[in-house]
Amino acid sequence: MSALTSYIGLVCGKIIDLIVRALALSRIHPNVLTFLGLLINIWRRSVRRRTFSGCGAGADRRRPVRYVDGRVARETNRVTRFGGFFDSVLDRYSDLALLMGCWSTMLTSTVSSTLC
């Protein structure tokens, strides 16, 4: 089992490396990637409501952006204290958007099931 998870980690790591290199070559600023990750998470929570049980499953869809922005900053030598702070704060806002989306989905499903 350990060999399988190591292989999956190796393959996914190579894919993320290719994405990081492509983004570094595109010269996009890492803070822009961080902000785009926040917008993606807010959009997913506000537009695409699902059942409450599947609410947390969408949290992992933004994870690649969380991994990539810091690696792009290191790859392009754009690591700053502000960038680290900005990334940390926007990650917390993304978590808040996730929790608020799950909370509103839970309330909506609870209200609709009690009204029927």
C-alpha atoms as a PDB file:
ATOM      1  CA  MET A   1       0.000   0.000   0.000  1.00  0.00           C
ATOM      2  CA  SER A   2       2.862   2.356   0.770  1.00  0.00           C
ATOM      3  CA  ALA A   3       4.337   1.845  -2.686  1.00  0.00           C
ATOM      4  CA  LEU A   4       1.020   2.800  -4.293  1.00  0.00           C
ATOM      5  CA  THR A   5       0.721   6.039  -2.330  1.00  0.00           C
ATOM      6  CA  SER A   6       4.367   6.870  -3.051  1.00  0.00           C
ATOM      7  CA  TYR A   7       3.744   6.349  -6.756  1.00  0.00           C
ATOM      8  CA  ILE A   8       0.627   8.547  -6.687  1.00  0.00           C
ATOM      9  CA  GLY A   9       2.581  11.256  -4.844  1.00  0.00           C
ATOM     10  CA  LEU A  10       5.393  11.040  -7.384  1.00  0.00           C
ATOM     11  CA  VAL A  11       3.048  11.306 -10.380  1.00  0.00           C
ATOM     12  CA  CYS A  12       1.044  14.172  -8.871  1.00  0.00           C
ATOM     13  CA  GLY A  13       4.264  15.945  -7.884  1.00  0.00           C
ATOM     14  CA  LYS A  14       5.494  15.803 -11.481  1.00  0.00           C
ATOM     15  CA  ILE A  15       2.185  17.207 -12.731  1.00  0.00           C
ATOM     16  CA  ILE A  16       2.344  20.054 -10.211  1.00  0.00           C
ATOM     17  CA  ASP A  17       5.974  20.719 -11.235  1.00  0.00           C
ATOM     18  CA  LEU A  18       4.876  21.083 -14.863  1.00  0.00           C
ATOM     19  CA  ILE A  19       2.076  23.464 -13.846  1.00  0.00           C
ATOM     20  CA  VAL A  20       4.487  25.523 -11.722  1.00  0.00           C
ATOM     21  CA  ARG A  21       6.989  25.791 -14.566  1.00  0.00           C
ATOM     22  CA  ALA A  22       4.287  26.844 -17.028  1.00  0.00           C
ATOM     23  CA  LEU A  23       2.977  29.504 -14.638  1.00  0.00           C
ATOM     24  CA  ALA A  24       6.510  30.716 -13.925  1.00  0.00           C
ATOM     25  CA  LEU A  25       7.160  31.048 -17.651  1.00  0.00           C
ATOM     26  CA  SER A  26       3.912  32.978 -18.074  1.00  0.00           C
ATOM     27  CA  ARG A  27       5.300  35.503 -15.558  1.00  0.00           C
ATOM     28  CA  ILE A  28       2.049  35.678 -13.609  1.00  0.00           C
ATOM     29  CA  HIS A  29       2.575  37.155 -10.160  1.00  0.00           C
ATOM     30  CA  PRO A  30       2.100  34.692  -7.279  1.00  0.00           C
ATOM     31  CA  ASN A  31      -0.219  37.133  -5.476  1.00  0.00           C
ATOM     32  CA  VAL A  32      -2.507  37.055  -8.516  1.00  0.00           C
ATOM     33  CA  LEU A  33      -2.666  33.260  -8.222  1.00  0.00           C
ATOM     34  CA  THR A  34      -3.524  33.590  -4.538  1.00  0.00           C
ATOM     35  CA  PHE A  35      -6.301  36.049  -5.307  1.00  0.00           C
ATOM     36  CA  LEU A  36      -7.629  33.855  -8.128  1.00  0.00           C
ATOM     37  CA  GLY A  37      -7.768  30.942  -5.689  1.00  0.00           C
ATOM     38  CA  LEU A  38      -9.924  33.034  -3.360  1.00  0.00           C
ATOM     39  CA  LEU A  39     -12.247  34.044  -6.211  1.00  0.00           C
ATOM     40  CA  ILE A  40     -12.585  30.431  -7.344  1.00  0.00           C
ATOM     41  CA  ASN A  41     -13.507  29.340  -3.838  1.00  0.00           C
ATOM     42  CA  ILE A  42     -16.047  32.129  -3.366  1.00  0.00           C
ATOM     43  CA  TRP A  43     -17.584  31.387  -6.768  1.00  0.00           C
ATOM     44  CA  ARG A  44     -17.841  27.674  -6.022  1.00  0.00           C
ATOM     45  CA  ARG A  45     -19.518  28.339  -2.705  1.00  0.00           C
ATOM     46  CA  SER A  46     -22.000  30.920  -3.950  1.00  0.00           C
ATOM     47  CA  VAL A  47     -22.971  29.603  -7.379  1.00  0.00           C
ATOM     48  CA  ARG A  48     -22.622  25.859  -7.208  1.00  0.00           C
ATOM     49  CA  ARG A  49     -24.583  24.721  -4.194  1.00  0.00           C
ATOM     50  CA  ARG A  50     -24.830  21.026  -3.588  1.00  0.00           C
ATOM     51  CA  THR A  51     -26.086  18.818  -0.834  1.00  0.00           C
ATOM     52  CA  PHE A  52     -24.637  19.345   2.612  1.00  0.00           C
ATOM     53  CA  SER A  53     -22.967  15.929   2.627  1.00  0.00           C
ATOM     54  CA  GLY A  54     -21.040  16.842  -0.527  1.00  0.00           C
ATOM     55  CA  CYS A  55     -20.255  20.353   0.586  1.00  0.00           C
ATOM     56  CA  GLY A  56     -16.792  19.634   1.944  1.00  0.00           C
ATOM     57  CA  ALA A  57     -15.786  17.604  -1.099  1.00  0.00           C
ATOM     58  CA  GLY A  58     -15.342  20.795  -3.120  1.00  0.00           C
ATOM     59  CA  ALA A  59     -12.732  22.047  -0.672  1.00  0.00           C
ATOM     60  CA  ASP A  60     -10.055  19.918  -2.304  1.00  0.00           C
ATOM     61  CA  ARG A  61     -10.671  21.391  -5.742  1.00  0.00           C
ATOM     62  CA  ARG A  62      -8.975  24.638  -4.779  1.00  0.00           C
ATOM     63  CA  ARG A  63      -6.032  22.901  -3.150  1.00  0.00           C
ATOM     64  CA  PRO A  64      -3.850  22.883  -6.296  1.00  0.00           C
ATOM     65  CA  VAL A  65      -3.977  26.686  -6.353  1.00  0.00           C
ATOM     66  CA  ARG A  66      -2.911  26.710  -2.707  1.00  0.00           C
ATOM     67  CA  TYR A  67       0.104  24.549  -3.533  1.00  0.00           C
ATOM     68  CA  VAL A  68       1.073  26.296  -6.719  1.00  0.00           C
ATOM     69  CA  ASP A  69       1.181  29.964  -5.673  1.00  0.00           C
ATOM     70  CA  GLY A  70       3.988  29.531  -3.150  1.00  0.00           C
ATOM     71  CA  ARG A  71       5.966  27.308  -5.456  1.00  0.00           C
ATOM     72  CA  VAL A  72       5.620  29.815  -8.292  1.00  0.00           C
ATOM     73  CA  ALA A  73       6.896  32.529  -5.931  1.00  0.00           C
ATOM     74  CA  ARG A  74       9.956  30.428  -5.080  1.00  0.00           C
ATOM     75  CA  GLU A  75      10.528  29.451  -8.722  1.00  0.00           C
ATOM     76  CA  THR A  76      10.455  33.078  -9.914  1.00  0.00           C
ATOM     77  CA  ASN A  77      12.340  34.487  -6.887  1.00  0.00           C
ATOM     78  CA  ARG A  78       9.354  36.610  -5.875  1.00  0.00           C
ATOM     79  CA  VAL A  79       9.132  35.495  -2.260  1.00  0.00           C
ATOM     80  CA  THR A  80       8.221  38.430  -0.014  1.00  0.00           C
ATOM     81  CA  ARG A  81       6.983  38.816   3.523  1.00  0.00           C
ATOM     82  CA  PHE A  82       3.874  40.549   2.196  1.00  0.00           C
ATOM     83  CA  GLY A  83       3.229  37.655  -0.197  1.00  0.00           C
ATOM     84  CA  GLY A  84       3.365  35.171   2.663  1.00  0.00           C
ATOM     85  CA  PHE A  85       1.027  37.299   4.744  1.00  0.00           C
ATOM     86  CA  PHE A  86      -1.315  37.873   1.787  1.00  0.00           C
ATOM     87  CA  ASP A  87      -1.437  34.130   1.061  1.00  0.00           C
ATOM     88  CA  SER A  88      -2.135  33.293   4.693  1.00  0.00           C
ATOM     89  CA  VAL A  89      -4.923  35.849   5.048  1.00  0.00           C
ATOM     90  CA  LEU A  90      -6.628  34.936   1.775  1.00  0.00           C
ATOM     91  CA  ASP A  91      -6.436  31.247   2.689  1.00  0.00           C
ATOM     92  CA  ARG A  92      -8.414  32.053   5.844  1.00  0.00           C
ATOM     93  CA  TYR A  93     -10.986  33.987   3.796  1.00  0.00           C
ATOM     94  CA  SER A  94     -11.247  30.972   1.478  1.00  0.00           C
ATOM     95  CA  ASP A  95     -11.860  28.764   4.485  1.00  0.00           C
ATOM     96  CA  LEU A  96     -14.517  31.207   5.654  1.00  0.00           C
ATOM     97  CA  ALA A  97     -16.202  31.091   2.230  1.00  0.00           C
ATOM     98  CA  LEU A  98     -16.189  27.289   2.416  1.00  0.00           C
ATOM     99  CA  LEU A  99     -17.728  27.280   5.888  1.00  0.00           C
ATOM    100  CA  MET A 100     -20.343  29.888   4.981  1.00  0.00           C
ATOM    101  CA  GLY A 101     -21.258  27.960   1.828  1.00  0.00           C
ATOM    102  CA  CYS A 102     -21.660  24.725   3.790  1.00  0.00           C
ATOM    103  CA  TRP A 103     -23.613  26.535   6.475  1.00  0.00           C
ATOM    104  CA  SER A 104     -26.011  28.137   3.981  1.00  0.00           C
ATOM    105  CA  THR A 105     -26.435  24.806   2.161  1.00  0.00           C
ATOM    106  CA  MET A 106     -27.220  23.107   5.457  1.00  0.00           C
ATOM    107  CA  LEU A 107     -29.758  25.813   6.382  1.00  0.00           C
ATOM    108  CA  THR A 108     -31.372  25.707   2.967  1.00  0.00           C
ATOM    109  CA  SER A 109     -31.701  21.931   3.002  1.00  0.00           C
ATOM    110  CA  THR A 110     -32.973  21.946   6.590  1.00  0.00           C
ATOM    111  CA  VAL A 111     -35.568  24.630   5.883  1.00  0.00           C
ATOM    112  CA  SER A 112     -36.769  22.976   2.674  1.00  0.00           C
ATOM    113  CA  SER A 113     -37.054  19.557   4.347  1.00  0.00           C
ATOM    114  CA  THR A 114     -39.071  20.952   7.274  1.00  0.00           C
ATOM    115  CA  LEU A 115     -41.415  22.849   4.945  1.00  0.00           C
ATOM    116  CA  CYS A 116     -42.255  19.783   2.857  1.00  0.00           C
END
